[in-house]
Protein backbone atom coordinates (compact mmCIF):
# COMPACT_ATOMS: atom_id res chain seq x y z
CA MET A 1 -35.56 -6.05 3.23
CA ASP A 2 -33.42 -6.22 6.37
CA PHE A 3 -31.24 -3.36 5.11
CA GLU A 4 -30.94 -0.98 2.21
CA VAL A 5 -27.15 -1.34 1.88
CA VAL A 6 -25.01 -4.18 3.21
CA VAL A 7 -21.23 -4.05 2.90
CA ILE A 8 -19.35 -7.35 2.92
CA GLY A 9 -15.95 -6.71 4.48
CA GLY A 10 -14.99 -4.22 7.19
CA GLY A 11 -11.61 -3.07 5.91
CA PRO A 12 -10.62 0.43 4.75
CA GLY A 13 -12.88 0.12 1.74
CA GLY A 14 -15.80 -1.56 3.46
CA TYR A 15 -16.13 0.46 6.63
CA VAL A 16 -15.74 3.72 4.70
CA ALA A 17 -18.41 2.62 2.21
CA ALA A 18 -20.73 1.80 5.11
CA ILE A 19 -20.20 5.18 6.76
CA ARG A 20 -20.84 7.04 3.51
CA ALA A 21 -23.97 4.95 2.88
CA ALA A 22 -25.23 5.78 6.38
CA GLN A 23 -24.49 9.47 5.83
CA LEU A 24 -26.63 9.29 2.69
CA GLY A 25 -29.55 8.00 4.72
CA PHE A 26 -29.38 4.27 4.00
CA LYS A 27 -30.14 1.67 6.65
CA THR A 28 -26.71 0.02 6.58
CA ALA A 29 -24.90 -3.06 7.87
CA VAL A 30 -21.40 -4.51 7.57
CA ILE A 31 -20.57 -8.21 7.49
CA GLU A 32 -17.03 -8.93 8.71
CA LYS A 33 -15.49 -12.36 9.25
CA GLU A 34 -12.72 -11.33 11.68
CA LYS A 35 -12.20 -7.84 13.05
CA MET A 36 -13.33 -4.40 11.93
CA GLY A 37 -10.60 -2.55 10.10
CA GLY A 38 -9.70 -5.55 7.96
CA VAL A 39 -6.17 -6.45 6.95
CA CYS A 40 -5.06 -2.82 6.65
CA LEU A 41 -5.74 -1.76 10.23
CA ASN A 42 -5.05 -5.11 11.87
CA TRP A 43 -2.36 -6.79 9.77
CA GLY A 44 -1.17 -4.40 7.10
CA CYS A 45 -0.89 -0.64 6.71
CA ILE A 46 -1.05 0.42 10.34
CA PRO A 47 0.96 -2.19 12.29
CA THR A 48 3.69 -2.34 9.64
CA LYS A 49 4.17 1.43 9.92
CA ALA A 50 4.43 1.05 13.69
CA LEU A 51 7.16 -1.57 13.17
CA LEU A 52 8.97 0.67 10.70
CA GLN A 53 8.80 3.59 13.11
CA SER A 54 10.56 1.48 15.74
CA ALA A 55 13.17 0.56 13.14
CA HIS A 56 13.65 4.18 12.08
CA LEU A 57 13.95 5.35 15.70
CA LEU A 58 16.62 2.72 16.30
CA GLU A 59 18.58 3.89 13.25
CA GLU A 60 18.30 7.48 14.48
CA MET A 61 19.56 6.52 17.92
CA LYS A 62 22.61 4.90 16.35
CA LYS A 63 23.44 8.32 14.86
CA ALA A 64 22.92 10.22 18.12
CA GLN A 65 26.61 11.10 18.41
CA GLU A 66 26.35 13.10 15.18
CA PHE A 67 23.82 15.35 16.94
CA GLY A 68 25.99 15.83 20.01
CA ILE A 69 24.09 13.29 22.08
CA SER A 70 25.76 10.38 23.82
CA ALA A 71 23.59 7.27 23.75
CA GLN A 72 25.06 4.03 25.00
CA GLY A 73 23.81 0.52 25.54
CA ILE A 74 21.07 0.75 22.93
CA GLN A 75 19.26 -2.57 22.78
CA VAL A 76 16.31 -3.92 20.85
CA GLU A 77 13.58 -5.73 22.78
CA PHE A 78 12.01 -7.36 19.77
CA GLY A 79 8.96 -8.65 21.63
CA LYS A 80 8.11 -5.15 22.81
CA VAL A 81 8.50 -3.78 19.30
CA ILE A 82 5.91 -6.31 18.12
CA GLU A 83 3.72 -5.63 21.15
CA ARG A 84 3.63 -1.90 20.41
CA SER A 85 2.59 -2.49 16.82
CA ARG A 86 -0.27 -4.73 17.98
CA LYS A 87 -1.43 -2.07 20.46
CA VAL A 88 -1.49 0.55 17.72
CA ALA A 89 -3.49 -1.79 15.47
CA ASP A 90 -5.93 -2.66 18.26
CA GLN A 91 -6.50 1.01 19.05
CA MET A 92 -7.30 1.79 15.43
CA ALA A 93 -9.69 -1.19 15.20
CA LYS A 94 -11.51 0.07 18.30
CA GLY A 95 -11.82 3.42 16.56
CA VAL A 96 -13.64 1.76 13.68
CA ASP A 97 -15.96 -0.01 16.13
CA PHE A 98 -16.81 3.42 17.56
CA LEU A 99 -17.50 4.82 14.10
CA MET A 100 -19.94 1.99 13.39
CA LYS A 101 -21.90 2.82 16.54
CA LYS A 102 -21.73 6.55 15.88
CA ASN A 103 -23.22 6.09 12.42
CA LYS A 104 -25.79 3.50 13.58
CA ILE A 105 -24.34 0.79 11.35
CA GLU A 106 -25.06 -2.78 12.38
CA VAL A 107 -22.05 -5.13 12.37
CA VAL A 108 -22.64 -8.83 11.74
CA PHE A 109 -19.67 -11.18 12.22
CA GLY A 110 -19.32 -14.15 9.92
CA THR A 111 -18.62 -15.24 6.34
CA ALA A 112 -21.13 -14.23 3.66
CA SER A 113 -22.22 -16.19 0.59
CA PHE A 114 -24.94 -15.17 -1.87
CA ILE A 115 -28.01 -17.41 -2.00
CA GLU A 116 -30.14 -14.94 -3.95
CA GLU A 117 -29.40 -11.69 -5.75
CA ASN A 118 -30.63 -9.76 -2.72
CA LYS A 119 -29.83 -12.27 0.01
CA VAL A 120 -26.70 -13.66 1.67
CA LEU A 121 -26.17 -16.44 4.15
CA VAL A 122 -23.83 -15.42 6.96
CA SER A 123 -22.04 -18.30 8.69
CA SER A 124 -20.15 -18.09 11.96
CA GLY A 125 -19.29 -21.47 13.47
CA ASP A 126 -22.54 -23.36 13.83
CA SER A 127 -24.59 -20.17 13.55
CA LYS A 128 -26.23 -19.23 10.25
CA LYS A 129 -28.24 -16.13 9.44
CA GLU A 130 -29.88 -14.81 6.26
CA ILE A 131 -29.59 -11.10 5.50
CA THR A 132 -31.34 -9.26 2.69
CA ALA A 133 -30.57 -5.87 1.18
CA ASP A 134 -31.46 -3.66 -1.78
CA ARG A 135 -27.79 -3.33 -2.64
CA PHE A 136 -24.59 -5.08 -1.56
CA ILE A 137 -21.08 -3.67 -1.74
CA ILE A 138 -18.40 -6.36 -1.76
CA ALA A 139 -15.18 -5.23 -0.08
CA THR A 140 -13.56 -8.54 0.83
CA GLY A 141 -10.02 -7.51 -0.05
CA ALA A 142 -7.17 -9.86 -0.85
CA ARG A 143 -4.56 -12.05 0.82
CA SER A 144 -0.88 -12.82 0.22
CA ARG A 145 -0.11 -14.91 -2.85
CA PRO A 146 2.07 -17.96 -2.08
CA LEU A 147 5.05 -18.86 -4.24
CA PRO A 148 4.26 -22.02 -6.24
CA GLY A 149 5.81 -24.98 -4.45
CA LEU A 150 6.43 -22.98 -1.28
CA ALA A 151 3.20 -22.78 0.71
CA PHE A 152 2.93 -20.56 3.77
CA ASP A 153 3.49 -22.66 6.90
CA GLN A 154 3.49 -19.98 9.66
CA ASN A 155 6.95 -21.16 10.65
CA LEU A 156 9.66 -21.06 7.99
CA VAL A 157 7.66 -19.60 5.10
CA LEU A 158 5.87 -16.40 6.04
CA SER A 159 3.31 -14.07 4.54
CA SER A 160 3.35 -10.45 5.67
CA ARG A 161 0.82 -11.34 8.36
CA GLU A 162 3.12 -13.85 10.08
CA ALA A 163 6.19 -11.67 9.52
CA MET A 164 4.81 -8.94 11.77
CA VAL A 165 4.26 -11.17 14.79
CA GLU A 166 7.50 -13.17 14.87
CA LYS A 167 8.80 -13.76 18.41
CA SER A 168 12.38 -12.92 17.50
CA ALA A 169 14.28 -11.53 14.54
CA PRO A 170 15.71 -14.37 12.42
CA LYS A 171 19.46 -14.47 11.94
CA LYS A 172 18.96 -14.51 8.16
CA ILE A 173 15.76 -13.86 6.23
CA GLY A 174 15.08 -14.15 2.52
CA VAL A 175 12.55 -11.77 1.01
CA ILE A 176 11.02 -12.83 -2.31
CA GLY A 177 9.67 -9.80 -4.15
CA ALA A 178 10.91 -6.21 -4.01
CA GLY A 179 7.60 -4.39 -4.14
CA ALA A 180 6.38 -2.27 -1.24
CA ILE A 181 5.74 -5.23 1.10
CA GLY A 182 9.10 -6.86 0.47
CA VAL A 183 11.09 -3.65 0.72
CA GLU A 184 9.36 -2.50 3.92
CA PHE A 185 9.96 -5.80 5.71
CA ALA A 186 13.55 -5.93 4.45
CA ASP A 187 14.07 -2.49 5.97
CA PHE A 188 12.48 -3.50 9.27
CA TYR A 189 14.31 -6.77 9.76
CA ALA A 190 17.66 -5.28 8.73
CA SER A 191 17.26 -2.65 11.44
CA MET A 192 16.34 -5.37 13.93
CA GLY A 193 19.68 -7.08 13.25
CA SER A 194 18.74 -9.73 10.68
CA GLU A 195 20.87 -10.46 7.67
CA VAL A 196 18.54 -9.76 4.75
CA VAL A 197 18.64 -10.85 1.13
CA ILE A 198 15.97 -9.72 -1.36
CA ILE A 199 15.26 -11.70 -4.53
CA GLU A 200 13.47 -9.80 -7.32
CA TYR A 201 12.68 -11.02 -10.83
CA LEU A 202 12.71 -7.52 -12.35
CA ASP A 203 15.75 -5.28 -12.66
CA HIS A 204 15.25 -2.91 -9.72
CA LEU A 205 13.96 -2.63 -6.19
CA LEU A 206 10.46 -1.14 -6.31
CA PRO A 207 10.37 -1.95 -10.04
CA ASN A 208 7.22 0.09 -10.68
CA GLU A 209 8.90 3.29 -9.53
CA ASP A 210 10.91 5.68 -11.67
CA GLU A 211 14.24 3.99 -12.37
CA GLU A 212 16.27 6.85 -10.91
CA ILE A 213 14.33 6.64 -7.65
CA SER A 214 14.90 2.88 -7.44
CA GLN A 215 18.62 3.40 -7.94
CA VAL A 216 18.77 5.79 -4.99
CA LEU A 217 17.04 3.19 -2.82
CA GLU A 218 19.40 0.46 -4.03
CA LYS A 219 22.45 2.53 -3.04
CA SER A 220 20.91 3.23 0.35
CA PHE A 221 20.17 -0.46 0.99
CA LEU A 222 23.65 -1.44 -0.17
CA LYS A 223 25.13 1.02 2.33
CA ARG A 224 23.05 -0.63 5.06
CA LYS A 225 24.29 -4.06 3.94
CA ILE A 226 20.83 -5.16 2.77
CA GLU A 227 21.67 -7.61 0.01
CA TYR A 228 19.54 -7.88 -3.12
CA LYS A 229 19.56 -10.18 -6.12
CA LEU A 230 17.93 -8.45 -9.09
CA GLY A 231 16.81 -10.12 -12.30
CA MET A 232 16.66 -13.43 -10.43
CA SER A 233 13.88 -15.94 -9.86
CA VAL A 234 13.38 -18.77 -7.39
CA TYR A 235 13.08 -21.95 -9.46
CA ALA A 236 13.19 -24.51 -6.64
CA THR A 237 13.18 -24.68 -2.85
CA GLU A 238 14.18 -27.16 -0.18
CA LYS A 239 12.73 -26.98 3.30
CA LYS A 240 14.91 -28.29 6.09
CA GLU A 241 14.09 -28.63 9.78
CA ASN A 242 15.13 -25.08 10.68
CA SER A 243 15.91 -23.40 7.37
CA VAL A 244 14.94 -23.06 3.73
CA VAL A 245 17.23 -23.35 0.73
CA LEU A 246 16.26 -21.05 -2.14
CA LYS A 247 17.59 -22.06 -5.53
CA ILE A 248 17.73 -19.05 -7.83
CA LYS A 249 18.58 -18.42 -11.46
CA ASN A 250 19.28 -15.41 -13.65
CA LYS A 251 16.27 -14.61 -15.84
CA ASN A 252 18.58 -13.62 -18.72
CA ASN A 253 20.97 -16.54 -18.32
CA VAL A 254 19.19 -19.60 -16.90
CA SER A 255 22.46 -21.49 -16.58
CA GLU A 256 23.58 -18.95 -13.97
CA THR A 257 22.25 -20.49 -10.74
CA SER A 258 23.04 -20.31 -7.04
CA GLU A 259 21.62 -21.29 -3.66
CA ILE A 260 20.81 -19.23 -0.59
CA GLU A 261 20.02 -20.81 2.76
CA VAL A 262 17.94 -18.72 5.14
CA ASP A 263 16.25 -19.19 8.50
CA LYS A 264 12.97 -17.69 7.30
CA VAL A 265 11.40 -16.72 3.97
CA LEU A 266 8.99 -13.84 3.51
CA VAL A 267 7.01 -14.10 0.28
CA GLY A 268 5.77 -10.76 -1.07
CA ILE A 269 4.90 -11.46 -4.70
CA GLY A 270 1.37 -10.12 -4.85
CA LEU A 271 -2.17 -10.72 -3.66
CA VAL A 272 -5.03 -13.14 -4.29
CA PRO A 273 -8.62 -11.77 -4.15
CA ASN A 274 -10.94 -13.08 -1.45
CA THR A 275 -13.87 -13.91 -3.71
CA GLU A 276 -14.00 -17.69 -4.00
CA ASP A 277 -16.63 -18.29 -1.29
CA LEU A 278 -19.11 -15.60 -2.29
CA ASN A 279 -20.97 -17.68 -4.92
CA LEU A 280 -20.95 -14.70 -7.27
CA GLU A 281 -20.88 -16.27 -10.71
CA LYS A 282 -24.22 -17.95 -10.07
CA PHE A 283 -25.76 -14.48 -10.16
CA GLY A 284 -24.01 -13.19 -13.26
CA VAL A 285 -21.07 -11.43 -11.64
CA VAL A 286 -18.02 -11.67 -13.92
CA LEU A 287 -14.65 -12.58 -12.41
CA SER A 288 -11.25 -12.26 -14.09
CA LYS A 289 -8.65 -14.43 -12.36
CA GLY A 290 -10.76 -14.15 -9.23
CA PHE A 291 -11.04 -10.35 -9.36
CA ILE A 292 -14.54 -8.89 -9.72
CA ASP A 293 -15.28 -6.94 -12.90
CA VAL A 294 -16.97 -3.59 -12.25
CA ASN A 295 -17.81 -0.47 -14.23
CA GLU A 296 -16.72 3.07 -13.34
CA ARG A 297 -19.45 3.21 -10.68
CA TYR A 298 -18.35 -0.14 -9.17
CA ALA A 299 -21.50 -1.94 -10.31
CA THR A 300 -21.23 -5.57 -11.44
CA LYS A 301 -23.37 -7.37 -14.01
CA CYS A 302 -25.77 -8.19 -11.17
CA LYS A 303 -27.95 -5.18 -10.42
CA SER A 304 -27.89 -5.64 -6.65
CA ILE A 305 -24.12 -6.17 -6.30
CA TYR A 306 -21.34 -3.58 -6.30
CA ALA A 307 -17.66 -4.22 -5.51
CA ILE A 308 -14.67 -2.11 -4.47
CA GLY A 309 -11.07 -2.33 -3.36
CA ASP A 310 -8.52 -5.10 -3.70
CA CYS A 311 -11.08 -7.73 -4.70
CA THR A 312 -11.70 -5.80 -7.95
CA GLY A 313 -8.06 -5.74 -9.05
CA ASN A 314 -7.75 -1.98 -9.13
CA PRO A 315 -4.57 -0.49 -7.59
CA LEU A 316 -4.25 -2.60 -4.43
CA LEU A 317 -4.01 0.29 -2.00
CA ALA A 318 -6.04 1.09 1.11
CA HIS A 319 -6.62 4.72 0.16
CA VAL A 320 -7.93 3.65 -3.24
CA ALA A 321 -10.35 1.21 -1.59
CA SER A 322 -11.58 3.97 0.75
CA MET A 323 -12.29 6.38 -2.08
CA GLU A 324 -13.96 3.63 -4.10
CA GLY A 325 -16.15 2.89 -1.09
CA ILE A 326 -17.32 6.48 -0.99
CA LYS A 327 -17.94 6.51 -4.74
CA ALA A 328 -19.86 3.22 -4.68
CA ALA A 329 -22.15 4.45 -1.90
CA GLU A 330 -22.79 7.65 -3.82
CA ALA A 331 -23.45 5.74 -7.04
CA ILE A 332 -26.06 3.65 -5.24
CA ALA A 333 -27.66 6.79 -3.79
CA ILE A 334 -27.92 8.28 -7.30
CA GLU A 335 -29.24 5.01 -8.75
CA LEU A 336 -31.91 4.65 -6.07
CA LYS A 337 -32.68 8.40 -6.18
CA LYS A 338 -31.76 8.81 -2.54
CA SER A 339 -30.33 12.25 -3.26
CA SER A 340 -31.38 14.61 -6.05
CA GLU A 341 -28.42 16.96 -5.48
CA LEU A 342 -25.60 14.40 -5.49
CA LYS A 343 -23.34 14.49 -8.55
CA TYR A 344 -21.03 11.61 -9.44
CA HIS A 345 -17.34 12.35 -9.94
CA PRO A 346 -15.33 9.28 -11.02
CA ILE A 347 -11.84 8.59 -9.70
CA ASN A 348 -8.92 9.55 -11.92
CA TYR A 349 -6.69 6.51 -11.58
CA ASP A 350 -3.77 8.37 -13.16
CA LEU A 351 -3.56 10.47 -10.00
CA ILE A 352 -3.29 7.76 -7.36
CA PRO A 353 -0.30 8.25 -5.02
CA GLY A 354 1.71 5.18 -4.14
CA CYS A 355 3.81 5.16 -0.98
CA THR A 356 6.49 2.86 0.42
CA TYR A 357 7.44 3.48 4.04
CA CYS A 358 10.97 2.13 4.05
CA HIS A 359 13.87 4.44 4.82
CA PRO A 360 14.32 6.51 2.77
CA GLU A 361 10.60 6.82 2.07
CA VAL A 362 9.34 6.61 -1.51
CA ALA A 363 6.20 8.22 -2.93
CA SER A 364 5.02 8.83 -6.46
CA PHE A 365 2.12 9.23 -8.87
CA GLY A 366 1.67 9.43 -12.59
CA LEU A 367 4.17 8.64 -15.33
CA THR A 368 7.81 7.76 -14.85
CA GLU A 369 10.29 9.60 -17.04
CA LYS A 370 10.82 6.51 -19.21
CA LYS A 371 7.07 5.91 -19.62
CA ALA A 372 6.39 9.55 -20.51
CA ILE A 373 9.07 9.45 -23.22
CA ALA A 374 7.72 6.14 -24.54
CA LEU A 375 4.25 7.70 -24.84
CA GLY A 376 5.66 10.45 -27.06
CA PHE A 377 5.58 13.41 -24.69
CA ASP A 378 8.13 16.18 -25.05
CA VAL A 379 9.46 15.58 -21.56
CA LYS A 380 11.13 18.08 -19.30
CA VAL A 381 12.33 16.99 -15.86
CA GLY A 382 13.11 18.99 -12.74
CA LYS A 383 15.07 17.52 -9.83
CA PHE A 384 16.09 18.75 -6.41
CA PRO A 385 18.44 16.73 -4.18
CA PHE A 386 17.81 16.80 -0.46
CA THR A 387 21.52 17.42 0.09
CA ALA A 388 20.66 21.01 -0.85
CA SER A 389 17.74 21.23 1.58
CA GLY A 390 18.37 23.22 4.75
CA ARG A 391 15.74 21.27 6.68
CA ALA A 392 17.10 17.91 5.49
CA GLN A 393 20.59 18.95 6.55
CA ALA A 394 19.28 20.06 9.95
CA ILE A 395 17.57 16.74 10.65
CA GLY A 396 20.51 14.77 9.25
CA ASP A 397 18.48 13.03 6.53
CA THR A 398 19.70 14.17 3.11
CA ASN A 399 19.44 10.97 1.08
CA GLY A 400 17.07 11.39 -1.85
CA MET A 401 15.40 13.87 -4.18
CA VAL A 402 12.22 15.30 -5.59
CA LYS A 403 11.78 14.58 -9.31
CA ILE A 404 9.01 16.09 -11.40
CA VAL A 405 8.20 14.89 -14.92
CA THR A 406 6.40 17.42 -17.10
CA ASN A 407 5.12 18.05 -20.59
CA ALA A 408 7.49 20.73 -21.86
CA LYS A 409 4.81 22.41 -23.98
CA HIS A 410 2.55 23.65 -21.18
CA GLY A 411 4.32 22.65 -17.96
CA GLU A 412 1.69 20.00 -17.25
CA ILE A 413 2.72 17.62 -14.45
CA LEU A 414 2.85 14.11 -15.89
CA GLY A 415 4.31 12.46 -12.79
CA ALA A 416 6.10 13.14 -9.54
CA HIS A 417 8.62 10.91 -7.77
CA ILE A 418 10.07 11.52 -4.33
CA ILE A 419 12.56 9.56 -2.27
CA GLY A 420 13.68 10.91 1.06
CA PRO A 421 12.37 12.37 4.32
CA SER A 422 8.60 12.90 4.50
CA ALA A 423 8.14 11.75 0.89
CA THR A 424 4.84 10.09 1.74
CA GLU A 425 3.54 13.34 3.26
CA ILE A 426 4.57 15.86 0.62
CA ILE A 427 3.42 13.86 -2.42
CA ALA A 428 -0.14 15.06 -1.70
CA GLU A 429 0.73 18.62 -2.74
CA LEU A 430 1.66 17.48 -6.22
CA VAL A 431 -1.36 15.18 -6.51
CA LEU A 432 -3.63 18.08 -5.51
CA ALA A 433 -1.95 20.37 -8.05
CA SER A 434 -2.29 17.84 -10.85
CA SER A 435 -5.89 17.01 -9.88
CA ASN A 436 -6.76 20.68 -10.37
CA GLU A 437 -4.78 20.94 -13.60
CA LEU A 438 -2.18 23.28 -12.12
CA SER A 439 1.10 23.43 -13.99
CA VAL A 440 4.62 24.08 -12.77
CA HIS A 441 3.94 27.77 -13.49
CA GLU A 442 1.35 27.91 -10.68
CA ILE A 443 3.42 25.91 -8.19
CA ILE A 444 6.44 28.15 -8.67
CA GLN A 445 4.29 31.11 -7.55
CA THR A 446 3.30 29.35 -4.32
CA ILE A 447 5.38 30.41 -1.33
CA HIS A 448 6.65 27.42 0.65
CA ALA A 449 7.68 27.91 4.27
CA HIS A 450 11.40 27.84 5.02
CA PRO A 451 13.02 25.63 6.12
CA THR A 452 10.81 22.69 5.18
CA ILE A 453 11.18 19.44 3.30
CA SER A 454 8.32 20.57 1.05
CA GLU A 455 10.56 23.31 -0.34
CA GLY A 456 11.99 20.48 -2.41
CA VAL A 457 8.74 20.52 -4.41
CA LEU A 458 9.17 24.24 -5.16
CA GLU A 459 12.81 23.81 -6.10
CA ALA A 460 12.20 20.79 -8.35
CA THR A 461 9.34 22.68 -10.04
CA SER A 462 11.60 25.69 -10.52
CA ALA A 463 14.26 23.41 -11.96
CA VAL A 464 11.85 22.36 -14.72
CA LEU A 465 11.83 25.98 -15.86
CA GLY A 466 15.54 26.52 -15.30
CA GLU A 467 14.81 28.85 -12.37
CA ALA A 468 15.92 26.81 -9.35
CA ILE A 469 17.63 28.94 -6.74
CA ASN A 470 19.39 26.53 -4.40
CA ILE A 471 20.97 24.10 -6.86
């Protein structure tokens, strides 16, 4: 065998899996077709957050007068905003390259396809190379799903990848889909001066979030003049030379139709797994709509092949892929008896935090209030508005709340939902508490520093018990 473990894909799942495999003593390699770090570091998580930080800074500068600071002549240099995001992405990718060298992991560039259960053919241009391994971990991720009848053209119809390297902000942009990708780009382009209209088939922005949280975001976007059409679908399109006409209809009343003409369209309706070129089914690997079926240890029906991350159809999140990469490497070590002391601890998918980095930020995990009620729980909810937070008032960012959904019987945390400043940072406290089966009774005894945004967690927890102090 050339290697003991080979990871196919160098994104946040793949490179983490490779590092953990190397730590466990495996001779390890990564096969990557483009650039280490994958979509997340190069075209997704990291550069989009850099763009959103520029947008947020611009919005803050517009409010400078409220803080007693005179700021005049504020201008956006869109090209430099894009340039900064690319620099941040490049720096992170270089960091992954360093980690590969540090952990003595060989990186092979090219596209892999299985030719035997323990052998892949790696193609890069005219070059072809066969690589064998005891075990493979597939971490090929996913790509943007096009809207039927409206293919990506890198000009008028954009995926998230093209949307983050535009040379100028379009005068008017249509965003199809109000999930995290759509909402984040709507936020960014609105700040950059574009007229934005979001089209979403379901009834709320961020439709998977707690309804009350979505409503706060909708009011915030409305205040910023970000238009949204909810409960609407695109049933036809017409591409012109320099614009696209979107024909939309009401899902509840199909006779209610209208047209929107935009300069650009961003399609954010989901992802397609990158599995079609791997030749997996020949070796017994089961695919469901292109996604790889795995068990709780990320093993497929083929003994030598494991799979993690977006290509398996689990929650399509970078931090999930990373943890799955660690777990898959550990499962292989246990299977091959590489470590006698290692114990396997499966991921609890009920405790996965989801984050959206628009402004205000949104973060959550677990059950929404509506879902908890539907499941028959005796639900008790605690809420704390950031208007009552001293720190939020001091920084001038009071839009939002902390909302905690609990089982009234024991104070068990069923879900937590935050919208507002630092939401994506403070959600971890509640995930950690729930992971360790702490109830609201334990959190209420935990002293939180004052003044902090995280005090909102304490206050919302106290509110569950009717003991909130500052509301």
